[in-house]
Protein backbone atom coordinates (compact mmCIF):
# COMPACT_ATOMS: atom_id res chain seq x y z
CA MET A 1 81.90 97.63 103.77
CA GLU A 2 83.08 100.97 105.13
CA VAL A 3 83.53 103.36 102.19
CA ARG A 4 87.11 104.32 103.02
CA SER A 5 88.05 100.62 103.09
CA LEU A 6 87.70 100.68 99.31
CA PHE A 7 90.94 102.69 99.20
CA THR A 8 92.86 99.57 100.24
CA VAL A 9 91.44 97.32 97.48
CA PRO A 10 94.30 96.41 95.08
CA ALA A 11 92.35 97.47 91.98
CA PHE A 12 91.39 100.89 93.38
CA PRO A 13 92.99 103.68 91.26
CA ARG A 14 94.86 105.33 94.13
CA VAL A 15 97.51 107.06 92.05
CA ALA A 16 94.93 108.50 89.64
CA MET A 17 92.80 109.65 92.57
CA SER A 18 95.82 111.27 94.23
CA ARG A 19 96.63 113.11 91.00
CA ALA A 20 93.06 114.38 90.75
CA VAL A 21 93.00 115.52 94.38
CA GLY A 22 96.37 117.18 93.85
CA ALA A 23 95.03 119.11 90.86
CA ILE A 24 91.91 120.21 92.76
CA SER A 25 94.00 121.33 95.73
CA LYS A 26 95.79 123.80 93.42
CA TRP A 27 92.63 125.49 92.14
CA TYR A 28 92.76 129.25 92.66
CA ILE A 29 90.24 130.54 95.20
CA PRO A 30 89.00 134.13 94.65
CA LYS A 31 90.04 136.42 97.47
CA PHE A 32 86.50 137.26 98.58
CA MET A 33 85.78 133.54 99.15
CA ARG A 34 88.89 132.64 101.11
CA ARG A 35 88.13 133.76 104.65
CA PRO A 36 84.70 132.04 104.97
CA LEU A 37 85.88 128.96 103.07
CA TRP A 38 89.06 128.47 105.10
CA ARG A 39 87.22 129.07 108.38
CA ARG A 40 84.84 126.27 107.45
CA VAL A 41 87.68 123.95 106.41
CA ILE A 42 89.57 124.67 109.64
CA SER A 43 86.47 123.99 111.72
CA LYS A 44 85.43 120.88 109.79
CA LEU A 45 88.86 119.22 109.92
CA GLY A 46 89.70 120.35 113.44
CA ILE A 47 92.85 122.23 112.40
CA SER A 48 94.53 124.01 115.31
CA GLU A 49 94.16 127.75 114.73
CA ASP A 50 97.52 128.52 116.33
CA THR A 51 99.19 126.86 113.33
CA VAL A 52 97.32 129.03 110.81
CA GLY A 53 97.66 132.68 111.81
CA ASP A 54 95.25 135.54 111.16
CA ASP A 55 95.73 136.24 107.46
CA LEU A 56 93.45 133.62 105.94
CA GLN A 57 93.18 135.58 102.71
CA SER A 58 96.86 134.90 102.00
CA PHE A 59 96.08 131.25 101.13
CA ALA A 60 95.16 131.28 97.43
CA THR A 61 94.66 127.50 97.18
CA PHE A 62 93.71 124.58 99.38
CA LEU A 63 97.29 123.30 99.02
CA GLU A 64 98.70 126.58 100.34
CA LEU A 65 96.54 126.25 103.45
CA PHE A 66 97.64 122.65 103.99
CA THR A 67 101.35 123.33 103.49
CA ARG A 68 101.39 126.63 105.41
CA LYS A 69 104.33 127.66 107.55
CA LEU A 70 103.85 128.40 111.24
CA PRO A 71 103.27 132.00 112.33
CA THR A 72 106.59 133.55 113.34
CA GLY A 73 107.49 132.81 116.97
CA SER A 74 104.41 130.66 117.63
CA ARG A 75 106.22 127.39 118.41
CA PRO A 76 109.63 128.07 120.00
CA ILE A 77 112.12 125.18 120.15
CA ALA A 78 114.18 124.71 123.33
CA LYS A 79 117.89 125.40 122.79
CA ASN A 80 119.39 122.27 124.31
CA GLU A 81 120.78 118.94 123.08
CA HIS A 82 117.53 116.99 123.46
CA TRP A 83 115.87 115.69 120.30
CA VAL A 84 112.38 116.88 119.41
CA SER A 85 109.65 115.48 117.19
CA PRO A 86 110.22 115.99 113.45
CA ALA A 87 106.49 116.65 112.94
CA ASP A 88 103.13 117.14 114.57
CA GLY A 89 101.14 113.92 114.75
CA ARG A 90 100.40 110.75 116.69
CA LEU A 91 103.12 108.32 117.71
CA VAL A 92 101.63 105.05 116.55
CA GLU A 93 104.70 102.87 117.06
CA HIS A 94 108.00 102.90 118.94
CA ALA A 95 110.01 99.81 118.02
CA LEU A 96 113.53 98.46 118.21
CA VAL A 97 115.39 97.33 115.10
CA SER A 98 116.13 93.80 116.25
CA PRO A 99 119.18 91.56 115.64
CA GLU A 100 117.06 89.77 113.04
CA LEU A 101 116.90 93.08 111.17
CA SER A 102 113.16 93.34 111.68
CA LEU A 103 110.80 95.66 113.49
CA ILE A 104 107.09 95.84 114.16
CA LEU A 105 105.10 98.74 112.71
CA LYS A 106 101.41 98.84 113.58
CA GLY A 107 101.30 95.16 114.41
CA ALA A 108 102.93 94.01 111.17
CA PRO A 109 106.51 92.71 111.00
CA TYR A 110 108.84 94.28 108.45
CA SER A 111 112.46 93.60 107.73
CA VAL A 112 114.54 96.76 107.64
CA SER A 113 115.38 96.01 104.01
CA GLU A 114 111.65 96.24 103.22
CA ILE A 115 111.27 99.62 104.91
CA LEU A 116 114.52 101.35 103.99
CA PRO A 117 115.33 101.78 100.29
CA GLY A 118 118.89 101.62 99.05
CA GLY A 119 120.22 98.49 100.79
CA CYS A 120 121.26 100.21 104.03
CA GLU A 121 119.57 97.88 106.51
CA ALA A 122 122.73 96.93 108.42
CA ASP A 123 123.43 100.59 109.20
CA TYR A 124 120.50 100.82 111.63
CA LEU A 125 120.76 97.59 113.60
CA GLY A 126 119.90 98.32 117.24
CA TYR A 127 118.31 101.67 116.47
CA GLN A 128 114.95 102.85 117.77
CA ALA A 129 112.27 103.35 115.09
CA LEU A 130 109.59 105.94 115.84
CA GLN A 131 106.57 106.18 113.54
CA ILE A 132 104.59 109.44 113.51
CA TYR A 133 101.25 109.56 111.69
CA LEU A 134 100.06 112.94 110.38
CA ALA A 135 96.28 113.21 110.12
CA PRO A 136 94.63 115.66 107.68
CA TYR A 137 94.14 118.19 110.50
CA ASN A 138 97.81 118.19 111.53
CA TYR A 139 100.35 120.84 110.59
CA HIS A 140 101.94 119.28 107.48
CA ARG A 141 105.51 120.55 107.52
CA TYR A 142 108.45 118.59 108.91
CA HIS A 143 111.38 120.00 110.85
CA ALA A 144 114.88 119.01 111.97
CA PRO A 145 114.74 116.94 115.21
CA CYS A 146 118.27 118.03 116.19
CA ASP A 147 121.26 119.93 114.86
CA MET A 148 122.06 117.82 111.84
CA GLN A 149 123.64 117.34 108.44
CA ILE A 150 121.99 115.52 105.54
CA ILE A 151 124.52 113.26 103.84
CA SER A 152 122.43 111.56 101.16
CA ALA A 153 118.89 110.83 99.98
CA VAL A 154 117.19 107.83 98.38
CA THR A 155 113.87 107.99 96.50
CA GLU A 156 111.78 104.83 96.05
CA PRO A 157 108.67 104.98 93.81
CA GLY A 158 105.59 103.04 94.84
CA ASP A 159 101.88 102.85 95.62
CA LEU A 160 99.82 105.39 97.57
CA GLN A 161 97.97 103.25 100.12
CA PRO A 162 96.35 105.00 103.10
CA VAL A 163 98.59 105.27 106.18
CA ASP A 164 95.71 105.88 108.59
CA PRO A 165 96.44 103.37 111.39
CA ALA A 166 92.82 102.18 111.29
CA LEU A 167 93.24 101.18 107.64
CA MET A 168 96.84 99.97 107.66
CA ARG A 169 95.76 96.66 109.17
CA ARG A 170 93.70 96.06 106.02
CA SER A 171 96.38 97.21 103.56
CA MET A 172 99.03 94.82 102.35
CA ARG A 173 102.60 95.82 103.23
CA VAL A 174 101.94 99.58 103.16
CA MET A 175 105.30 100.58 104.60
CA LYS A 176 107.04 98.43 101.99
CA THR A 177 105.03 99.33 98.89
CA ASN A 178 104.25 103.03 99.29
CA ARG A 179 106.34 105.81 97.78
CA ARG A 180 109.23 106.69 100.13
CA ILE A 181 112.09 109.14 100.52
CA LEU A 182 114.92 108.30 102.93
CA LEU A 183 117.42 110.81 104.29
CA HIS A 184 120.73 109.56 105.72
CA CYS A 185 121.92 112.08 108.30
CA VAL A 186 124.35 112.68 111.14
CA ASP A 187 123.75 114.71 114.29
CA ALA A 188 126.09 117.29 115.85
CA LYS A 189 128.16 114.45 117.36
CA GLN A 190 128.49 112.71 113.96
CA ARG A 191 126.15 109.86 114.94
CA PRO A 192 124.27 108.47 111.92
CA PHE A 193 120.48 108.48 111.93
CA ALA A 194 117.73 108.41 109.32
CA LEU A 195 114.43 110.06 108.46
CA LEU A 196 111.97 108.12 106.29
CA TYR A 197 109.04 109.95 104.66
CA VAL A 198 106.22 107.74 103.37
CA GLY A 199 103.71 108.93 100.78
CA ALA A 200 100.03 108.08 101.14
CA LEU A 201 96.65 108.33 99.44
CA ASN A 202 96.22 111.90 98.14
CA VAL A 203 99.77 112.66 99.27
CA GLY A 204 101.98 111.92 96.32
CA GLY A 205 104.04 115.04 96.91
CA MET A 206 106.86 115.40 99.43
CA LYS A 207 108.81 118.66 99.24
CA PHE A 208 112.21 119.53 100.72
CA GLY A 209 113.53 123.05 101.19
CA PHE A 210 117.21 122.06 101.14
CA ASP A 211 116.79 120.35 97.73
CA ASP A 212 113.98 121.54 95.46
CA SER A 213 114.45 118.64 93.04
CA LEU A 214 114.22 115.86 95.65
CA GLY A 215 111.00 113.95 95.03
CA ALA A 216 110.26 115.90 91.85
CA SER A 217 110.35 112.68 89.77
CA PRO A 218 108.41 110.25 92.00
CA TRP A 219 108.23 107.50 89.38
CA GLN A 220 112.00 106.95 89.16
CA PRO A 221 114.21 105.48 91.91
CA SER A 222 117.18 107.69 92.61
CA GLU A 223 120.09 108.21 94.99
CA ARG A 224 122.01 111.42 95.57
CA THR A 225 124.83 112.54 97.85
CA TYR A 226 125.23 116.06 99.24
CA ASP A 227 128.77 117.41 99.14
CA PRO A 228 128.99 119.47 101.21
CA PRO A 229 126.19 118.08 103.41
CA ALA A 230 123.05 120.15 103.91
CA LYS A 231 123.23 121.66 107.42
CA LEU A 232 120.19 122.32 109.60
CA ARG A 233 119.65 123.55 113.14
CA LYS A 234 117.17 121.87 115.47
CA GLY A 235 113.66 123.01 114.58
CA ASP A 236 114.55 124.28 111.10
CA ASP A 237 111.86 123.82 108.47
CA MET A 238 112.76 120.92 106.14
CA GLY A 239 109.75 120.73 103.84
CA CYS A 240 106.20 119.42 103.74
CA PHE A 241 103.76 116.68 102.82
CA GLU A 242 101.01 117.75 100.47
CA MET A 243 98.26 116.66 102.91
CA GLY A 244 98.90 114.01 105.61
CA SER A 245 101.22 111.04 105.77
CA THR A 246 103.78 109.40 108.06
CA VAL A 247 107.39 109.87 109.15
CA VAL A 248 109.67 107.18 110.62
CA LEU A 249 112.64 108.43 112.63
CA PHE A 250 115.53 105.99 113.17
CA VAL A 251 117.24 107.18 116.35
CA PRO A 252 120.76 106.25 117.56
CA PRO A 253 120.66 103.68 120.38
CA GLN A 254 122.64 105.96 122.71
CA LEU A 255 119.70 108.35 123.11
CA GLN A 256 117.41 107.91 126.10
CA CYS A 257 113.72 107.76 125.26
CA ARG A 258 111.30 109.74 127.41
CA THR A 259 108.43 107.85 129.06
CA GLN A 260 106.17 105.50 127.09
CA LEU A 261 105.66 106.99 123.64
CA ASP A 262 103.18 104.76 121.82
CA GLY A 263 99.84 106.41 121.16
CA ILE A 264 100.64 109.90 122.41
CA THR A 265 100.08 113.05 120.38
CA VAL A 266 103.14 115.21 119.81
CA ALA A 267 104.01 118.62 118.42
CA LEU A 268 107.27 119.32 116.65
CA GLU A 269 108.67 121.21 119.64
CA ASP A 270 108.04 118.30 122.05
CA PHE A 271 111.05 116.64 123.68
CA LEU A 272 111.29 112.95 122.70
CA PHE A 273 114.85 111.79 123.36
CA ALA A 274 117.49 112.92 125.84
CA ASP A 275 121.07 113.23 124.66
CA GLU A 276 123.06 112.53 127.82
CA GLN A 277 126.40 111.64 126.26
């Protein structure tokens, strides 16, 4: 058996392992060790150096390196009405929420009620669902795909199964059972859409800049409404995964998808959907 396949075994202590990795990632690294250590980590994982910047000594912990912000001006976002990717990563699935309220994610059928916490499945009938997988080498922060307002958020506690596409086929109902945070949003034209953030092995933490307490109690389900709504411009930093994970974007049906999306690698500034209305 492949070693990493053990992570999908039901009895494997994934939550305990994720806690341990989280604690290790916060260990303080002495300043004299940082530059050579981070250069090795960047090389070993294949992290793109244009997402890191020159001041490697500023990262005091492994977690700080993984949740780093982009160097100022390094990834400009086009100022138009097109929607961009909410994260760097690989587009592993582009599916339609069907009349039967189901969609296919990585070859496995899910009802929308299984994926989306909070009983909101009917709200996204006919929407496009776009799943973006973030590998360990990807930039780990997520950004606003359009000018938007965040209306409410739902937190659903759960497992921490791997979301690596190669392992998801061996994991039981990952997108249903893993820890999730759902944001209900509207764009500049008041069209509802949603962003779903799914936790994974070693990635118990999901942080949000517009609400420091969101996700702070991952073991308790919760719902909250923002009044007034949290406003963001396209490309604004929204928060980060503590390591890699996956994002599912539920896009209004009126938006026109660019050419075939499945399997391509995207950066957060890449155009994904045209707003022609």
